[in-house]
Amino acid sequence: MKYSIDENFKKTYNEWDKTDPTIYFTVGNTSNALQSIGIKKQPITLDSSKVIKIKNKHSENDR
């Protein structure tokens, strides 16, 4: 397995109102490759406040 994307990520992201900065999205889990070099298996999350900052910085990409 190269990577593991959380089955609910797309649905959760699409249902997000794109303004609430307090949401944490579970993107997936630590890949086998990272685990093989000692990274522990755990969820990989994305903070909605960071998504908002990136989208504001790169708003020209929304056109």
N, C-alpha and C. Protein backbone atom coordinates (compact mmCIF):
# COMPACT_ATOMS: atom_id res chain seq x y z
N MET A 1 0.85 -1.18 0.00
CA MET A 1 0.00 0.00 0.00
C MET A 1 0.90 1.24 0.00
N LYS A 2 0.75 2.10 -1.01
CA LYS A 2 1.53 3.33 -1.09
C LYS A 2 1.05 4.35 -0.06
N TYR A 3 -0.25 4.50 0.03
CA TYR A 3 -0.83 5.48 0.95
C TYR A 3 -2.25 5.04 1.27
N SER A 4 -2.81 5.70 2.27
CA SER A 4 -4.17 5.36 2.67
C SER A 4 -4.96 6.64 2.86
N ILE A 5 -5.88 6.92 1.96
CA ILE A 5 -6.73 8.10 2.05
C ILE A 5 -7.99 7.73 2.82
N ASP A 6 -8.34 8.57 3.77
CA ASP A 6 -9.55 8.33 4.56
C ASP A 6 -10.77 8.35 3.65
N GLU A 7 -11.60 7.35 3.79
CA GLU A 7 -12.79 7.23 2.93
C GLU A 7 -13.75 8.40 3.08
N ASN A 8 -13.76 9.05 4.23
CA ASN A 8 -14.70 10.15 4.48
C ASN A 8 -14.12 11.53 4.20
N PHE A 9 -12.85 11.61 3.81
CA PHE A 9 -12.21 12.92 3.62
C PHE A 9 -12.97 13.79 2.62
N LYS A 10 -13.22 13.27 1.43
CA LYS A 10 -13.87 14.06 0.37
C LYS A 10 -15.24 14.56 0.82
N LYS A 11 -16.01 13.68 1.42
CA LYS A 11 -17.36 14.04 1.88
C LYS A 11 -17.29 15.12 2.96
N THR A 12 -16.41 14.93 3.93
CA THR A 12 -16.27 15.90 5.02
C THR A 12 -15.82 17.25 4.49
N TYR A 13 -14.83 17.24 3.58
CA TYR A 13 -14.34 18.49 3.01
C TYR A 13 -15.43 19.19 2.22
N ASN A 14 -16.16 18.45 1.39
CA ASN A 14 -17.21 19.06 0.57
C ASN A 14 -18.37 19.59 1.40
N GLU A 15 -18.63 19.01 2.56
CA GLU A 15 -19.71 19.48 3.43
C GLU A 15 -19.28 20.66 4.29
N TRP A 16 -18.00 20.92 4.39
CA TRP A 16 -17.47 22.03 5.17
C TRP A 16 -17.90 23.35 4.52
N ASP A 17 -18.27 24.34 5.33
CA ASP A 17 -18.78 25.61 4.79
C ASP A 17 -17.67 26.53 4.28
N LYS A 18 -16.43 26.11 4.35
CA LYS A 18 -15.24 26.83 3.86
C LYS A 18 -14.94 28.09 4.66
N THR A 19 -15.62 28.30 5.80
CA THR A 19 -15.34 29.47 6.65
C THR A 19 -15.00 29.08 8.08
N ASP A 20 -15.45 27.94 8.55
CA ASP A 20 -15.21 27.51 9.93
C ASP A 20 -13.76 27.07 10.09
N PRO A 21 -12.96 27.80 10.90
CA PRO A 21 -11.54 27.47 11.05
C PRO A 21 -11.26 26.41 12.11
N THR A 22 -12.29 25.78 12.65
CA THR A 22 -12.08 24.84 13.77
C THR A 22 -12.24 23.37 13.38
N ILE A 23 -12.28 23.10 12.10
CA ILE A 23 -12.49 21.73 11.62
C ILE A 23 -11.13 21.05 11.39
N TYR A 24 -11.04 19.79 11.78
CA TYR A 24 -9.87 18.98 11.46
C TYR A 24 -10.33 17.85 10.55
N PHE A 25 -9.71 17.76 9.38
CA PHE A 25 -10.02 16.71 8.43
C PHE A 25 -9.01 15.59 8.60
N THR A 26 -9.49 14.36 8.66
CA THR A 26 -8.58 13.22 8.65
C THR A 26 -8.36 12.87 7.18
N VAL A 27 -7.12 13.09 6.74
CA VAL A 27 -6.78 12.88 5.33
C VAL A 27 -6.48 11.41 5.07
N GLY A 28 -5.79 10.79 5.99
CA GLY A 28 -5.41 9.40 5.81
C GLY A 28 -4.60 8.91 6.99
N ASN A 29 -3.75 7.93 6.74
CA ASN A 29 -2.89 7.36 7.77
C ASN A 29 -1.46 7.30 7.26
N THR A 30 -0.54 7.14 8.18
CA THR A 30 0.87 7.03 7.84
C THR A 30 1.08 5.87 6.86
N SER A 31 1.81 6.13 5.80
CA SER A 31 2.06 5.10 4.77
C SER A 31 3.01 4.03 5.30
N ASN A 32 2.99 2.89 4.64
CA ASN A 32 3.91 1.81 5.00
C ASN A 32 5.36 2.25 4.84
N ALA A 33 5.64 3.05 3.82
CA ALA A 33 7.01 3.52 3.59
C ALA A 33 7.51 4.33 4.79
N LEU A 34 6.67 5.24 5.29
CA LEU A 34 7.07 6.02 6.46
C LEU A 34 7.16 5.15 7.70
N GLN A 35 6.26 4.19 7.83
CA GLN A 35 6.32 3.28 8.97
C GLN A 35 7.60 2.46 8.94
N SER A 36 8.08 2.12 7.74
CA SER A 36 9.28 1.30 7.62
C SER A 36 10.54 2.03 8.09
N ILE A 37 10.48 3.37 8.17
CA ILE A 37 11.64 4.12 8.66
C ILE A 37 11.40 4.65 10.08
N GLY A 38 10.38 4.09 10.73
CA GLY A 38 10.19 4.38 12.14
C GLY A 38 9.11 5.37 12.52
N ILE A 39 8.40 5.89 11.53
CA ILE A 39 7.30 6.81 11.85
C ILE A 39 6.12 5.96 12.32
N LYS A 40 5.55 6.35 13.47
CA LYS A 40 4.46 5.53 13.99
C LYS A 40 3.18 5.71 13.17
N LYS A 41 2.40 4.66 13.14
CA LYS A 41 1.12 4.69 12.41
C LYS A 41 0.16 5.59 13.18
N GLN A 42 -0.35 6.60 12.49
CA GLN A 42 -1.30 7.53 13.11
C GLN A 42 -2.07 8.26 12.03
N PRO A 43 -3.18 8.87 12.40
CA PRO A 43 -3.95 9.63 11.42
C PRO A 43 -3.17 10.86 10.95
N ILE A 44 -3.36 11.22 9.70
CA ILE A 44 -2.80 12.45 9.15
C ILE A 44 -3.97 13.41 9.01
N THR A 45 -3.87 14.56 9.68
CA THR A 45 -4.98 15.51 9.69
C THR A 45 -4.61 16.81 8.99
N LEU A 46 -5.63 17.53 8.60
CA LEU A 46 -5.49 18.83 7.96
C LEU A 46 -6.40 19.80 8.71
N ASP A 47 -5.84 20.90 9.14
CA ASP A 47 -6.53 21.92 9.92
C ASP A 47 -7.21 22.91 8.96
N SER A 48 -8.52 23.10 9.11
CA SER A 48 -9.25 23.98 8.19
C SER A 48 -8.76 25.42 8.23
N SER A 49 -8.21 25.88 9.35
CA SER A 49 -7.69 27.25 9.40
C SER A 49 -6.52 27.41 8.42
N LYS A 50 -5.71 26.37 8.27
CA LYS A 50 -4.60 26.40 7.33
C LYS A 50 -5.13 26.41 5.89
N VAL A 51 -6.18 25.65 5.63
CA VAL A 51 -6.79 25.63 4.29
C VAL A 51 -7.30 27.03 3.95
N ILE A 52 -7.95 27.68 4.90
CA ILE A 52 -8.47 29.03 4.68
C ILE A 52 -7.34 29.99 4.35
N LYS A 53 -6.23 29.93 5.10
CA LYS A 53 -5.07 30.81 4.85
C LYS A 53 -4.51 30.59 3.45
N ILE A 54 -4.37 29.33 3.06
CA ILE A 54 -3.83 29.02 1.73
C ILE A 54 -4.77 29.51 0.64
N LYS A 55 -6.07 29.28 0.81
CA LYS A 55 -7.03 29.71 -0.19
C LYS A 55 -7.05 31.23 -0.30
N ASN A 56 -6.92 31.96 0.81
CA ASN A 56 -6.88 33.42 0.77
C ASN A 56 -5.62 33.92 0.09
N LYS A 57 -4.50 33.26 0.36
CA LYS A 57 -3.22 33.66 -0.24
C LYS A 57 -3.22 33.41 -1.74
N HIS A 58 -3.90 32.37 -2.17
CA HIS A 58 -3.89 31.98 -3.58
C HIS A 58 -5.29 32.09 -4.18
N SER A 59 -6.00 33.16 -3.84
CA SER A 59 -7.40 33.32 -4.28
C SER A 59 -7.52 33.41 -5.79
N GLU A 60 -6.43 33.78 -6.48
CA GLU A 60 -6.49 33.85 -7.93
C GLU A 60 -6.73 32.47 -8.56
N ASN A 61 -6.45 31.40 -7.80
CA ASN A 61 -6.65 30.04 -8.31
C ASN A 61 -8.12 29.62 -8.25
N ASP A 62 -8.97 30.41 -7.61
CA ASP A 62 -10.38 30.08 -7.50
C ASP A 62 -11.19 30.53 -8.71
N ARG A 63 -10.57 31.23 -9.59
CA ARG A 63 -11.29 31.77 -10.75
C ARG A 63 -11.54 30.74 -11.78
